[in-house]
Protein backbone atom coordinates (compact mmCIF):
# COMPACT_ATOMS: atom_id res chain seq x y z
CA MET A 1 48.21 6.66 -1.12
CA LYS A 2 46.46 5.80 -4.38
CA ASP A 3 48.55 8.39 -6.20
CA VAL A 4 51.76 6.79 -4.89
CA THR A 5 50.57 3.35 -5.97
CA ALA A 6 49.72 4.65 -9.45
CA ILE A 7 53.12 6.34 -9.75
CA LYS A 8 54.95 3.19 -8.66
CA ALA A 9 52.96 1.04 -11.10
CA GLY A 10 53.47 3.55 -13.92
CA LEU A 11 57.20 3.78 -13.31
CA SER A 12 57.46 -0.01 -13.21
CA ILE A 13 55.81 -0.30 -16.62
CA LEU A 14 57.92 2.55 -17.97
CA PHE A 15 61.14 0.86 -16.84
CA LEU A 16 60.16 -2.59 -18.07
CA LEU A 17 59.39 -1.15 -21.51
CA CYS A 18 63.00 0.06 -21.59
CA LEU A 19 64.03 -3.59 -21.97
CA PHE A 20 62.64 -3.59 -25.51
CA ASP A 21 64.14 -2.03 -28.62
CA MET A 22 62.70 1.46 -28.32
CA PRO A 23 63.63 4.72 -30.05
CA TYR A 24 66.19 6.87 -28.25
CA GLY A 25 63.51 9.47 -27.49
CA TYR A 26 61.66 6.93 -25.35
CA PHE A 27 64.69 6.49 -23.12
CA GLN A 28 64.96 10.27 -22.73
CA PHE A 29 61.27 10.38 -21.84
CA ALA A 30 61.74 7.52 -19.36
CA ARG A 31 64.64 9.33 -17.69
CA PHE A 32 62.65 12.54 -17.32
CA ILE A 33 59.48 10.87 -16.02
CA GLY A 34 61.58 8.56 -13.83
CA MET A 35 63.36 11.52 -12.27
CA LEU A 36 60.06 13.29 -11.54
CA GLY A 37 58.46 10.10 -10.21
CA PHE A 38 61.36 9.25 -7.93
CA ALA A 39 61.52 12.84 -6.66
CA TYR A 40 57.82 12.74 -5.78
CA LEU A 41 58.20 9.36 -4.10
CA ALA A 42 61.16 10.70 -2.11
CA TYR A 43 59.01 13.62 -0.96
CA THR A 44 56.15 11.35 0.13
CA GLU A 45 58.53 9.05 2.00
CA HIS A 46 60.06 12.09 3.69
CA GLU A 47 56.60 13.15 4.84
CA LEU A 48 56.03 9.66 6.24
CA ARG A 49 59.48 9.75 7.89
CA HIS A 50 60.64 6.65 6.03
CA ASN A 51 64.23 7.83 5.69
CA ASN A 52 65.65 4.67 4.06
CA TRP A 53 63.11 4.73 1.25
CA ARG A 54 63.48 8.50 0.93
CA ASP A 55 67.23 8.09 0.43
CA PHE A 56 66.73 5.25 -2.07
CA PHE A 57 64.35 7.38 -4.15
CA ILE A 58 66.65 10.43 -4.01
CA ILE A 59 69.61 8.35 -5.21
CA SER A 60 67.43 6.85 -7.95
CA ALA A 61 66.26 10.32 -9.08
CA ILE A 62 69.86 11.53 -9.26
CA LEU A 63 71.00 8.43 -11.13
CA ILE A 64 68.25 8.58 -13.76
CA ASN A 65 68.13 12.36 -14.25
CA PRO A 66 68.35 13.48 -17.89
CA LEU A 67 70.20 16.72 -17.17
CA PHE A 68 73.53 15.38 -15.87
CA LYS A 69 73.60 11.98 -17.52
CA ILE A 70 75.44 9.08 -15.98
CA SER A 71 76.55 6.70 -18.72
CA LEU A 72 76.27 3.09 -17.55
CA GLY A 73 75.82 1.19 -20.80
CA ARG A 74 72.70 -0.54 -22.05
CA GLY A 75 73.25 -3.79 -20.10
CA LEU A 76 73.63 -2.09 -16.73
CA TRP A 77 70.67 0.20 -17.40
CA ASN A 78 68.56 -2.89 -18.21
CA ILE A 79 69.55 -4.44 -14.89
CA LEU A 80 68.65 -1.22 -13.08
CA ASP A 81 65.31 -1.04 -14.89
CA VAL A 82 64.41 -4.54 -13.69
CA VAL A 83 65.64 -3.86 -10.14
CA TRP A 84 63.63 -0.62 -9.96
CA ALA A 85 60.51 -2.34 -11.33
CA VAL A 86 60.79 -5.22 -8.84
CA ILE A 87 61.36 -2.87 -5.90
CA LEU A 88 58.50 -0.56 -6.88
CA ILE A 89 56.07 -3.45 -7.37
CA SER A 90 57.12 -5.09 -4.10
CA THR A 91 56.61 -1.83 -2.19
CA ILE A 92 53.10 -1.59 -3.62
CA PHE A 93 52.23 -5.00 -2.16
CA ASN A 94 54.09 -4.39 1.11
CA ASN A 95 52.24 -1.11 1.64
CA LYS A 96 48.90 -2.84 1.07
CA LYS A 97 49.77 -5.39 3.76
CA GLU A 98 50.57 -2.58 6.22
CA ASP A 99 47.27 -0.77 5.55
C-alpha cells in the first residue's frame, strides 16, 4: 500500500503544480504521468474489488490521456486538477484510517 500512497501523493503534487504558469511540455508530462498513475490505481482498486474507485480512476485515466486529447480549456483543467488532488489526498487519509 505504500506504493499506492506514494503514487497518490505524487499525482497530487503534479496536478497542483499545473495551477502555475508552466511550460507546455510540463502539461504534456503531467498528462502522461497522470494517465499511467490513474491506470495503476484503477488496477489496484480492481484487485481490492473497490469497483467505484476503479471506475473513477479509469475515467480519470481516459480523460487525462495524452494520446486522444480532450480539450476542456485551461480553467476547467485547473478545476479538475484541484478536484483530483483533493480526492487523492483524502483517499490517502481515509485508507490510513481503515488500516
